[in-house]
Amino acid sequence: MDQRIIDLYDEYTHAPLERRVFIKRLTALAGSTAGAMAALPLLESNYAFAATVPPNDARIEAGQVAYAGASGAIRAYRARPKGVAKLPAVVVIHENRGLTPHIEDVARRAAIEGFVVLAPDLLSPLGGAPADEDAARQLFAKVNPATALADLVAGVSYLKTSADVSGKIGCIGFCWGGGMANNLAVNLPELAAAVPFYGIQPATADVPKIRAKLLLHYASNDDRVNAGVPAYEAALKAAGLSYTKHVYEGTQHAFHNDTAGARYNKEAAELAWRRTVEFLRATLGA
């Protein structure tokens, strides 16, 4: 697919653009209304693919929970392997659509690897994640980042008091959630590990506050996010912090999301996930 179309979709989902403006510009790039309508399903998420691990998989226990957040009750998806008394825990932080079927699937994937997993819906203070992607992105304009961060910190506290959590806790974040994973590492010294996927970087002045080990995943064709990588890496080195960075050549922002159509890259996604599981096991002790 034309890189200009993918870049336009990234602008649409993150600026965000009004849908009518996006469709008008997409039509111009595609050359016709028919071309734009043909390209659209290749860009938008299809949650029918969000079942790498089915919800009723016999290896896990999974379902909806709620915990006390800074902003009130936070809806979340919780998953864990069956038959193990205590395990390390992982917080999975969603993109700018709230808690979607894809993120619930990621939580189940982490659970079968040996973790207690909590995936909060950080749109809970605004009524929860809408099923419609456009509505979710519009609702995200109302999210207070400081409140969302406080609700994530409360999620870690919830896990720390859970009888089935052994102690060490890490996080994985995607897109908007990748940026939140970076900021959670800045603001929570007891966080043991953070794995941001194509996440916006924290302020360089805050980097020395990080105590977590970091595994950073980036797409090569992601200028918006990658613009902040050199300064982040320089600050990490200056602070003597433990991190590993991977850039996946030929990939787009959201390359890990197997519901994301043309942006998904199976080879890179599987490699990044394998590296993530190995890193979390080594860091958290699963």
C-alpha atoms as a PDB file:
ATOM      1  CA  MET A   1       0.000   0.000   0.000  1.00  0.00           C
ATOM      2  CA  ASP A   2       1.137   3.542  -0.792  1.00  0.00           C
ATOM      3  CA  GLN A   3       3.096   4.861   2.207  1.00  0.00           C
ATOM      4  CA  ARG A   4       1.303   8.190   1.874  1.00  0.00           C
ATOM      5  CA  ILE A   5      -2.017   6.442   2.528  1.00  0.00           C
ATOM      6  CA  ILE A   6      -0.635   4.696   5.624  1.00  0.00           C
ATOM      7  CA  ASP A   7       0.815   7.993   6.858  1.00  0.00           C
ATOM      8  CA  LEU A   8      -2.551   9.669   6.301  1.00  0.00           C
ATOM      9  CA  TYR A   9      -4.291   6.952   8.321  1.00  0.00           C
ATOM     10  CA  ASP A  10      -1.754   7.434  11.120  1.00  0.00           C
ATOM     11  CA  GLU A  11      -2.526  11.158  11.080  1.00  0.00           C
ATOM     12  CA  TYR A  12      -6.258  10.397  11.100  1.00  0.00           C
ATOM     13  CA  THR A  13      -5.981   8.120  14.122  1.00  0.00           C
ATOM     14  CA  HIS A  14      -3.555  10.232  16.134  1.00  0.00           C
ATOM     15  CA  ALA A  15      -4.081  13.923  15.274  1.00  0.00           C
ATOM     16  CA  PRO A  16      -7.010  13.087  15.039  1.00  0.00           C
ATOM     17  CA  LEU A  17      -8.564  14.249  11.772  1.00  0.00           C
ATOM     18  CA  GLU A  18     -12.294  14.520  11.268  1.00  0.00           C
ATOM     19  CA  ARG A  19     -13.493  11.543   9.256  1.00  0.00           C
ATOM     20  CA  ARG A  20     -14.806  13.694   6.396  1.00  0.00           C
ATOM     21  CA  VAL A  21     -11.368  15.335   6.053  1.00  0.00           C
ATOM     22  CA  PHE A  22      -9.664  11.942   6.149  1.00  0.00           C
ATOM     23  CA  ILE A  23     -11.988  10.498   3.489  1.00  0.00           C
ATOM     24  CA  LYS A  24     -11.504  13.537   1.242  1.00  0.00           C
ATOM     25  CA  ARG A  25      -7.715  13.259   1.435  1.00  0.00           C
ATOM     26  CA  LEU A  26      -7.830   9.468   1.075  1.00  0.00           C
ATOM     27  CA  THR A  27      -9.936   9.845  -2.068  1.00  0.00           C
ATOM     28  CA  ALA A  28      -7.357  12.218  -3.532  1.00  0.00           C
ATOM     29  CA  LEU A  29      -4.510   9.807  -2.809  1.00  0.00           C
ATOM     30  CA  ALA A  30      -6.424   6.761  -4.047  1.00  0.00           C
ATOM     31  CA  GLY A  31      -7.511   8.550  -7.212  1.00  0.00           C
ATOM     32  CA  SER A  32     -11.237   7.925  -6.803  1.00  0.00           C
ATOM     33  CA  THR A  33     -13.992   7.344  -4.284  1.00  0.00           C
ATOM     34  CA  ALA A  34     -14.015   3.677  -5.266  1.00  0.00           C
ATOM     35  CA  GLY A  35     -10.287   3.437  -4.635  1.00  0.00           C
ATOM     36  CA  ALA A  36     -10.679   5.077  -1.235  1.00  0.00           C
ATOM     37  CA  MET A  37     -13.483   2.712  -0.235  1.00  0.00           C
ATOM     38  CA  ALA A  38     -11.363  -0.255  -1.337  1.00  0.00           C
ATOM     39  CA  ALA A  39      -8.390   0.928   0.725  1.00  0.00           C
ATOM     40  CA  LEU A  40     -10.367   1.666   3.883  1.00  0.00           C
ATOM     41  CA  PRO A  41     -11.005  -1.962   5.006  1.00  0.00           C
ATOM     42  CA  LEU A  42      -7.285  -2.642   4.579  1.00  0.00           C
ATOM     43  CA  LEU A  43      -6.513   0.086   7.108  1.00  0.00           C
ATOM     44  CA  GLU A  44      -9.207  -0.205   9.768  1.00  0.00           C
ATOM     45  CA  SER A  45      -9.121  -2.784  12.545  1.00  0.00           C
ATOM     46  CA  ASN A  46     -11.041  -6.030  12.131  1.00  0.00           C
ATOM     47  CA  TYR A  47     -11.596  -7.555  15.554  1.00  0.00           C
ATOM     48  CA  ALA A  48     -12.731 -10.825  14.024  1.00  0.00           C
ATOM     49  CA  PHE A  49      -9.010 -11.632  13.992  1.00  0.00           C
ATOM     50  CA  ALA A  50      -8.634 -10.947  17.744  1.00  0.00           C
ATOM     51  CA  ALA A  51      -8.639 -14.558  18.871  1.00  0.00           C
ATOM     52  CA  THR A  52      -5.075 -15.829  18.796  1.00  0.00           C
ATOM     53  CA  VAL A  53      -5.965 -17.297  22.187  1.00  0.00           C
ATOM     54  CA  PRO A  54      -9.743 -17.875  22.422  1.00  0.00           C
ATOM     55  CA  PRO A  55     -11.545 -16.452  25.476  1.00  0.00           C
ATOM     56  CA  ASN A  56     -12.508 -19.976  26.536  1.00  0.00           C
ATOM     57  CA  ASP A  57      -9.009 -21.431  26.162  1.00  0.00           C
ATOM     58  CA  ALA A  58      -8.701 -24.266  28.686  1.00  0.00           C
ATOM     59  CA  ARG A  59      -5.211 -23.142  29.751  1.00  0.00           C
ATOM     60  CA  ILE A  60      -6.362 -19.874  31.299  1.00  0.00           C
ATOM     61  CA  GLU A  61      -8.897 -18.152  33.511  1.00  0.00           C
ATOM     62  CA  ALA A  62     -10.024 -14.825  32.042  1.00  0.00           C
ATOM     63  CA  GLY A  63     -12.805 -12.294  32.444  1.00  0.00           C
ATOM     64  CA  GLN A  64     -13.903  -8.802  33.374  1.00  0.00           C
ATOM     65  CA  VAL A  65     -12.996  -7.275  36.734  1.00  0.00           C
ATOM     66  CA  ALA A  66     -13.018  -3.810  38.269  1.00  0.00           C
ATOM     67  CA  TYR A  67     -10.569  -2.181  40.653  1.00  0.00           C
ATOM     68  CA  ALA A  68     -10.489   1.072  42.591  1.00  0.00           C
ATOM     69  CA  GLY A  69      -8.678   3.648  40.480  1.00  0.00           C
ATOM     70  CA  ALA A  70      -7.778   7.236  41.197  1.00  0.00           C
ATOM     71  CA  SER A  71     -10.787   8.343  39.120  1.00  0.00           C
ATOM     72  CA  GLY A  72     -13.247   5.734  40.411  1.00  0.00           C
ATOM     73  CA  ALA A  73     -13.980   2.147  39.394  1.00  0.00           C
ATOM     74  CA  ILE A  74     -11.775   1.025  36.504  1.00  0.00           C
ATOM     75  CA  ARG A  75     -13.057  -1.734  34.267  1.00  0.00           C
ATOM     76  CA  ALA A  76     -10.350  -4.201  33.275  1.00  0.00           C
ATOM     77  CA  TYR A  77      -9.755  -7.577  31.681  1.00  0.00           C
ATOM     78  CA  ARG A  78      -7.842 -10.051  33.849  1.00  0.00           C
ATOM     79  CA  ALA A  79      -6.260 -13.294  32.670  1.00  0.00           C
ATOM     80  CA  ARG A  80      -3.976 -15.898  34.252  1.00  0.00           C
ATOM     81  CA  PRO A  81      -2.895 -19.494  33.732  1.00  0.00           C
ATOM     82  CA  LYS A  82      -4.868 -22.182  35.517  1.00  0.00           C
ATOM     83  CA  GLY A  83      -3.347 -24.203  38.298  1.00  0.00           C
ATOM     84  CA  VAL A  84      -0.454 -22.014  39.468  1.00  0.00           C
ATOM     85  CA  ALA A  85      -0.654 -20.419  42.900  1.00  0.00           C
ATOM     86  CA  LYS A  86       1.568 -17.331  42.498  1.00  0.00           C
ATOM     87  CA  LEU A  87       2.981 -15.669  39.396  1.00  0.00           C
ATOM     88  CA  PRO A  88       4.579 -12.382  38.362  1.00  0.00           C
ATOM     89  CA  ALA A  89       2.184  -9.875  36.821  1.00  0.00           C
ATOM     90  CA  VAL A  90       1.979  -7.733  33.701  1.00  0.00           C
ATOM     91  CA  VAL A  91      -0.187  -4.688  32.977  1.00  0.00           C
ATOM     92  CA  VAL A  92      -1.194  -4.446  29.293  1.00  0.00           C
ATOM     93  CA  ILE A  93      -1.892  -0.856  28.208  1.00  0.00           C
ATOM     94  CA  HIS A  94      -4.130  -0.289  25.204  1.00  0.00           C
ATOM     95  CA  GLU A  95      -3.932   2.024  22.197  1.00  0.00           C
ATOM     96  CA  ASN A  96      -6.091   5.127  21.768  1.00  0.00           C
ATOM     97  CA  ARG A  97      -9.249   3.040  21.398  1.00  0.00           C
ATOM     98  CA  GLY A  98      -9.629   1.787  24.948  1.00  0.00           C
ATOM     99  CA  LEU A  99      -9.944  -1.857  25.932  1.00  0.00           C
ATOM    100  CA  THR A 100     -10.619  -3.619  22.625  1.00  0.00           C
ATOM    101  CA  PRO A 101     -10.987  -7.321  21.744  1.00  0.00           C
ATOM    102  CA  HIS A 102      -7.430  -7.185  20.399  1.00  0.00           C
ATOM    103  CA  ILE A 103      -5.998  -6.009  23.733  1.00  0.00           C
ATOM    104  CA  GLU A 104      -7.989  -8.681  25.557  1.00  0.00           C
ATOM    105  CA  ASP A 105      -6.419 -11.200  23.174  1.00  0.00           C
ATOM    106  CA  VAL A 106      -2.942  -9.844  23.961  1.00  0.00           C
ATOM    107  CA  ALA A 107      -3.724 -10.274  27.665  1.00  0.00           C
ATOM    108  CA  ARG A 108      -4.614 -13.919  27.052  1.00  0.00           C
ATOM    109  CA  ARG A 109      -1.410 -14.416  25.054  1.00  0.00           C
ATOM    110  CA  ALA A 110       0.612 -13.122  28.005  1.00  0.00           C
ATOM    111  CA  ALA A 111      -1.355 -15.294  30.421  1.00  0.00           C
ATOM    112  CA  ILE A 112      -0.493 -18.523  28.614  1.00  0.00           C
ATOM    113  CA  GLU A 113       3.165 -17.499  28.898  1.00  0.00           C
ATOM    114  CA  GLY A 114       2.960 -17.601  32.690  1.00  0.00           C
ATOM    115  CA  PHE A 115       1.781 -14.208  33.935  1.00  0.00           C
ATOM    116  CA  VAL A 116      -1.154 -12.737  35.805  1.00  0.00           C
ATOM    117  CA  VAL A 117      -2.320 -10.059  33.370  1.00  0.00           C
ATOM    118  CA  LEU A 118      -4.396  -6.932  33.913  1.00  0.00           C
ATOM    119  CA  ALA A 119      -5.586  -4.852  30.943  1.00  0.00           C
ATOM    120  CA  PRO A 120      -7.341  -1.720  32.249  1.00  0.00           C
ATOM    121  CA  ASP A 121      -9.820   0.301  30.211  1.00  0.00           C
ATOM    122  CA  LEU A 122      -8.532   3.817  30.761  1.00  0.00           C
ATOM    123  CA  LEU A 123     -11.695   5.196  29.193  1.00  0.00           C
ATOM    124  CA  SER A 124     -13.614   3.927  32.226  1.00  0.00           C
ATOM    125  CA  PRO A 125     -14.015   7.451  33.722  1.00  0.00           C
ATOM    126  CA  LEU A 126     -15.721   8.447  30.445  1.00  0.00           C
ATOM    127  CA  GLY A 127     -18.084   5.500  30.326  1.00  0.00           C
ATOM    128  CA  GLY A 128     -15.760   2.870  28.881  1.00  0.00           C
ATOM    129  CA  ALA A 129     -14.437   2.072  25.426  1.00  0.00           C
ATOM    130  CA  PRO A 130     -17.040   2.367  22.641  1.00  0.00           C
ATOM    131  CA  ALA A 131     -17.172  -0.450  20.106  1.00  0.00           C
ATOM    132  CA  ASP A 132     -16.898   2.084  17.278  1.00  0.00           C
ATOM    133  CA  GLU A 133     -13.263   3.071  16.617  1.00  0.00           C
ATOM    134  CA  ASP A 134     -14.065   6.635  15.554  1.00  0.00           C
ATOM    135  CA  ALA A 135     -16.148   7.213  18.674  1.00  0.00           C
ATOM    136  CA  ALA A 136     -13.310   5.816  20.799  1.00  0.00           C
ATOM    137  CA  ARG A 137     -10.716   8.108  19.235  1.00  0.00           C
ATOM    138  CA  GLN A 138     -12.986  11.124  19.693  1.00  0.00           C
ATOM    139  CA  LEU A 139     -13.535  10.164  23.320  1.00  0.00           C
ATOM    140  CA  PHE A 140      -9.788   9.946  23.814  1.00  0.00           C
ATOM    141  CA  ALA A 141      -9.539  13.677  23.239  1.00  0.00           C
ATOM    142  CA  LYS A 142     -11.142  14.003  26.678  1.00  0.00           C
ATOM    143  CA  VAL A 143      -8.677  11.714  28.465  1.00  0.00           C
ATOM    144  CA  ASN A 144      -6.547  13.444  31.088  1.00  0.00           C
ATOM    145  CA  PRO A 145      -3.080  11.818  30.826  1.00  0.00           C
ATOM    146  CA  ALA A 146      -2.345  12.453  34.503  1.00  0.00           C
ATOM    147  CA  THR A 147      -5.601  10.751  35.498  1.00  0.00           C
ATOM    148  CA  ALA A 148      -4.905   7.817  33.194  1.00  0.00           C
ATOM    149  CA  LEU A 149      -1.439   7.450  34.692  1.00  0.00           C
ATOM    150  CA  ALA A 150      -2.871   7.521  38.218  1.00  0.00           C
ATOM    151  CA  ASP A 151      -5.377   4.829  37.234  1.00  0.00           C
ATOM    152  CA  LEU A 152      -2.502   2.681  35.927  1.00  0.00           C
ATOM    153  CA  VAL A 153      -0.573   3.151  39.173  1.00  0.00           C
ATOM    154  CA  ALA A 154      -3.728   2.056  41.009  1.00  0.00           C
ATOM    155  CA  GLY A 155      -3.835  -1.023  38.767  1.00  0.00           C
ATOM    156  CA  VAL A 156      -0.329  -1.954  39.854  1.00  0.00           C
ATOM    157  CA  SER A 157      -1.398  -1.507  43.488  1.00  0.00           C
ATOM    158  CA  TYR A 158      -4.373  -3.787  42.840  1.00  0.00           C
ATOM    159  CA  LEU A 159      -2.050  -6.458  41.482  1.00  0.00           C
ATOM    160  CA  LYS A 160       0.376  -6.085  44.401  1.00  0.00           C
ATOM    161  CA  THR A 161      -2.424  -6.943  46.827  1.00  0.00           C
ATOM    162  CA  SER A 162      -3.678  -9.901  44.764  1.00  0.00           C
ATOM    163  CA  ALA A 163      -3.086 -13.261  46.420  1.00  0.00           C
ATOM    164  CA  ASP A 164      -1.967 -14.873  43.144  1.00  0.00           C
ATOM    165  CA  VAL A 165       0.735 -12.303  42.325  1.00  0.00           C
ATOM    166  CA  SER A 166       4.236 -13.204  43.445  1.00  0.00           C
ATOM    167  CA  GLY A 167       5.680  -9.711  43.604  1.00  0.00           C
ATOM    168  CA  LYS A 168       7.422  -8.474  40.470  1.00  0.00           C
ATOM    169  CA  ILE A 169       5.268  -6.491  38.051  1.00  0.00           C
ATOM    170  CA  GLY A 170       5.962  -5.209  34.545  1.00  0.00           C
ATOM    171  CA  CYS A 171       3.982  -3.574  31.759  1.00  0.00           C
ATOM    172  CA  ILE A 172       3.505  -3.744  27.994  1.00  0.00           C
ATOM    173  CA  GLY A 173       2.018  -0.821  26.073  1.00  0.00           C
ATOM    174  CA  PHE A 174       1.028  -0.266  22.461  1.00  0.00           C
ATOM    175  CA  CYS A 175       0.973   3.076  20.616  1.00  0.00           C
ATOM    176  CA  TRP A 176      -0.681   5.487  23.092  1.00  0.00           C
ATOM    177  CA  GLY A 177      -0.183   2.729  25.647  1.00  0.00           C
ATOM    178  CA  GLY A 178       3.502   2.562  24.708  1.00  0.00           C
ATOM    179  CA  GLY A 179       3.866   6.178  25.736  1.00  0.00           C
ATOM    180  CA  MET A 180       1.987   5.415  28.940  1.00  0.00           C
ATOM    181  CA  ALA A 181       4.313   2.462  29.591  1.00  0.00           C
ATOM    182  CA  ASN A 182       7.273   4.844  29.378  1.00  0.00           C
ATOM    183  CA  ASN A 183       5.595   7.265  31.765  1.00  0.00           C
ATOM    184  CA  LEU A 184       4.610   4.514  34.162  1.00  0.00           C
ATOM    185  CA  ALA A 185       8.289   3.550  34.341  1.00  0.00           C
ATOM    186  CA  VAL A 186       9.149   7.174  35.120  1.00  0.00           C
ATOM    187  CA  ASN A 187       6.539   7.487  37.864  1.00  0.00           C
ATOM    188  CA  LEU A 188       6.626   4.062  39.504  1.00  0.00           C
ATOM    189  CA  PRO A 189      10.099   3.112  40.800  1.00  0.00           C
ATOM    190  CA  GLU A 190       8.927  -0.360  41.864  1.00  0.00           C
ATOM    191  CA  LEU A 191       7.965  -1.280  38.281  1.00  0.00           C
ATOM    192  CA  ALA A 192      10.416  -4.024  37.294  1.00  0.00           C
ATOM    193  CA  ALA A 193      10.043  -3.996  33.503  1.00  0.00           C
ATOM    194  CA  ALA A 194       8.432  -1.940  30.736  1.00  0.00           C
ATOM    195  CA  VAL A 195       7.941  -2.891  27.091  1.00  0.00           C
ATOM    196  CA  PRO A 196       6.694   0.040  24.990  1.00  0.00           C
ATOM    197  CA  PHE A 197       5.687  -0.811  21.418  1.00  0.00           C
ATOM    198  CA  TYR A 198       6.127   2.304  19.215  1.00  0.00           C
ATOM    199  CA  GLY A 199       5.427   4.571  22.173  1.00  0.00           C
ATOM    200  CA  ILE A 200       6.047   8.295  22.523  1.00  0.00           C
ATOM    201  CA  GLN A 201       9.034   8.917  24.765  1.00  0.00           C
ATOM    202  CA  PRO A 202       8.980  10.603  28.182  1.00  0.00           C
ATOM    203  CA  ALA A 203      10.590  13.974  28.809  1.00  0.00           C
ATOM    204  CA  THR A 204      14.363  13.545  28.814  1.00  0.00           C
ATOM    205  CA  ALA A 205      14.600  15.323  32.172  1.00  0.00           C
ATOM    206  CA  ASP A 206      12.458  12.546  33.678  1.00  0.00           C
ATOM    207  CA  VAL A 207      14.429   9.612  32.272  1.00  0.00           C
ATOM    208  CA  PRO A 208      16.824   9.317  35.274  1.00  0.00           C
ATOM    209  CA  LYS A 209      13.790   8.505  37.460  1.00  0.00           C
ATOM    210  CA  ILE A 210      13.321   5.178  35.646  1.00  0.00           C
ATOM    211  CA  ARG A 211      14.259   2.061  37.596  1.00  0.00           C
ATOM    212  CA  ALA A 212      12.593  -0.534  35.374  1.00  0.00           C
ATOM    213  CA  LYS A 213      14.470  -2.486  32.740  1.00  0.00           C
ATOM    214  CA  LEU A 214      13.254  -1.475  29.278  1.00  0.00           C
ATOM    215  CA  LEU A 215      12.635  -3.309  26.023  1.00  0.00           C
ATOM    216  CA  LEU A 216      11.825  -0.781  23.295  1.00  0.00           C
ATOM    217  CA  HIS A 217      10.154  -1.820  20.022  1.00  0.00           C
ATOM    218  CA  TYR A 218       9.929   0.595  17.078  1.00  0.00           C
ATOM    219  CA  ALA A 219       8.717   0.416  13.487  1.00  0.00           C
ATOM    220  CA  SER A 220      11.126   1.738  10.863  1.00  0.00           C
ATOM    221  CA  ASN A 221       8.360   3.621   8.968  1.00  0.00           C
ATOM    222  CA  ASP A 222       7.054   5.641  11.898  1.00  0.00           C
ATOM    223  CA  ASP A 223       8.510   9.139  11.690  1.00  0.00           C
ATOM    224  CA  ARG A 224       6.076  10.626  14.213  1.00  0.00           C
ATOM    225  CA  VAL A 225       7.223   8.351  17.048  1.00  0.00           C
ATOM    226  CA  ASN A 226      10.803   7.822  15.923  1.00  0.00           C
ATOM    227  CA  ALA A 227      11.589  11.543  16.024  1.00  0.00           C
ATOM    228  CA  GLY A 228      11.979  11.235  19.788  1.00  0.00           C
ATOM    229  CA  VAL A 229      14.149   8.112  19.835  1.00  0.00           C
ATOM    230  CA  PRO A 230      17.655   9.703  19.639  1.00  0.00           C
ATOM    231  CA  ALA A 231      17.044  12.002  22.612  1.00  0.00           C
ATOM    232  CA  TYR A 232      15.462   9.179  24.625  1.00  0.00           C
ATOM    233  CA  GLU A 233      18.331   6.828  23.928  1.00  0.00           C
ATOM    234  CA  ALA A 234      20.913   9.501  24.768  1.00  0.00           C
ATOM    235  CA  ALA A 235      19.147  10.175  28.094  1.00  0.00           C
ATOM    236  CA  LEU A 236      18.999   6.446  28.902  1.00  0.00           C
ATOM    237  CA  LYS A 237      22.708   6.074  28.219  1.00  0.00           C
ATOM    238  CA  ALA A 238      23.579   9.174  30.216  1.00  0.00           C
ATOM    239  CA  ALA A 239      21.628   7.815  33.180  1.00  0.00           C
ATOM    240  CA  GLY A 240      23.269   4.383  32.878  1.00  0.00           C
ATOM    241  CA  LEU A 241      19.920   2.626  32.579  1.00  0.00           C
ATOM    242  CA  SER A 242      19.289  -0.897  31.342  1.00  0.00           C
ATOM    243  CA  TYR A 243      17.483  -0.979  27.990  1.00  0.00           C
ATOM    244  CA  THR A 244      17.355  -2.859  24.710  1.00  0.00           C
ATOM    245  CA  LYS A 245      16.068  -1.257  21.512  1.00  0.00           C
ATOM    246  CA  HIS A 246      14.819  -3.004  18.381  1.00  0.00           C
ATOM    247  CA  VAL A 247      13.810  -1.299  15.142  1.00  0.00           C
ATOM    248  CA  TYR A 248      11.890  -3.564  12.763  1.00  0.00           C
ATOM    249  CA  GLU A 249      12.806  -2.728   9.182  1.00  0.00           C
ATOM    250  CA  GLY A 250      10.045  -2.269   6.645  1.00  0.00           C
ATOM    251  CA  THR A 251       7.309  -2.080   9.295  1.00  0.00           C
ATOM    252  CA  GLN A 252       4.596   0.438  10.091  1.00  0.00           C
ATOM    253  CA  HIS A 253       3.264   1.873  13.325  1.00  0.00           C
ATOM    254  CA  ALA A 254       0.946  -0.808  14.808  1.00  0.00           C
ATOM    255  CA  PHE A 255       2.887  -3.628  13.135  1.00  0.00           C
ATOM    256  CA  HIS A 256       2.148  -5.904  16.115  1.00  0.00           C
ATOM    257  CA  ASN A 257      -1.632  -5.508  15.877  1.00  0.00           C
ATOM    258  CA  ASP A 258      -2.945  -8.464  13.874  1.00  0.00           C
ATOM    259  CA  THR A 259      -6.334  -6.763  13.508  1.00  0.00           C
ATOM    260  CA  ALA A 260      -4.749  -3.679  11.859  1.00  0.00           C
ATOM    261  CA  GLY A 261      -4.886  -4.757   8.221  1.00  0.00           C
ATOM    262  CA  ALA A 262      -2.114  -3.466   5.982  1.00  0.00           C
ATOM    263  CA  ARG A 263      -0.024  -2.192   8.883  1.00  0.00           C
ATOM    264  CA  TYR A 264       0.296  -5.620  10.504  1.00  0.00           C
ATOM    265  CA  ASN A 265       3.581  -7.423   9.866  1.00  0.00           C
ATOM    266  CA  LYS A 266       3.376 -11.064  10.928  1.00  0.00           C
ATOM    267  CA  GLU A 267       7.101 -11.781  10.950  1.00  0.00           C
ATOM    268  CA  ALA A 268       8.004  -8.677  12.942  1.00  0.00           C
ATOM    269  CA  ALA A 269       5.042  -9.097  15.300  1.00  0.00           C
ATOM    270  CA  GLU A 270       5.969 -12.667  16.151  1.00  0.00           C
ATOM    271  CA  LEU A 271       9.635 -11.769  16.657  1.00  0.00           C
ATOM    272  CA  ALA A 272       8.784  -8.782  18.863  1.00  0.00           C
ATOM    273  CA  TRP A 273       6.374 -10.874  20.924  1.00  0.00           C
ATOM    274  CA  ARG A 274       8.919 -13.660  21.377  1.00  0.00           C
ATOM    275  CA  ARG A 275      11.495 -11.113  22.525  1.00  0.00           C
ATOM    276  CA  THR A 276       8.923  -9.573  24.871  1.00  0.00           C
ATOM    277  CA  VAL A 277       8.059 -12.882  26.526  1.00  0.00           C
ATOM    278  CA  GLU A 278      11.735 -13.823  26.949  1.00  0.00           C
ATOM    279  CA  PHE A 279      12.513 -10.389  28.409  1.00  0.00           C
ATOM    280  CA  LEU A 280       9.609 -10.465  30.864  1.00  0.00           C
ATOM    281  CA  ARG A 281      10.427 -13.992  31.985  1.00  0.00           C
ATOM    282  CA  ALA A 282      14.052 -13.036  32.608  1.00  0.00           C
ATOM    283  CA  THR A 283      13.161  -9.797  34.357  1.00  0.00           C
ATOM    284  CA  LEU A 284      10.106 -10.834  36.356  1.00  0.00           C
ATOM    285  CA  GLY A 285      11.105 -14.423  37.054  1.00  0.00           C
ATOM    286  CA  ALA A 286       8.280 -16.370  35.399  1.00  0.00           C
END
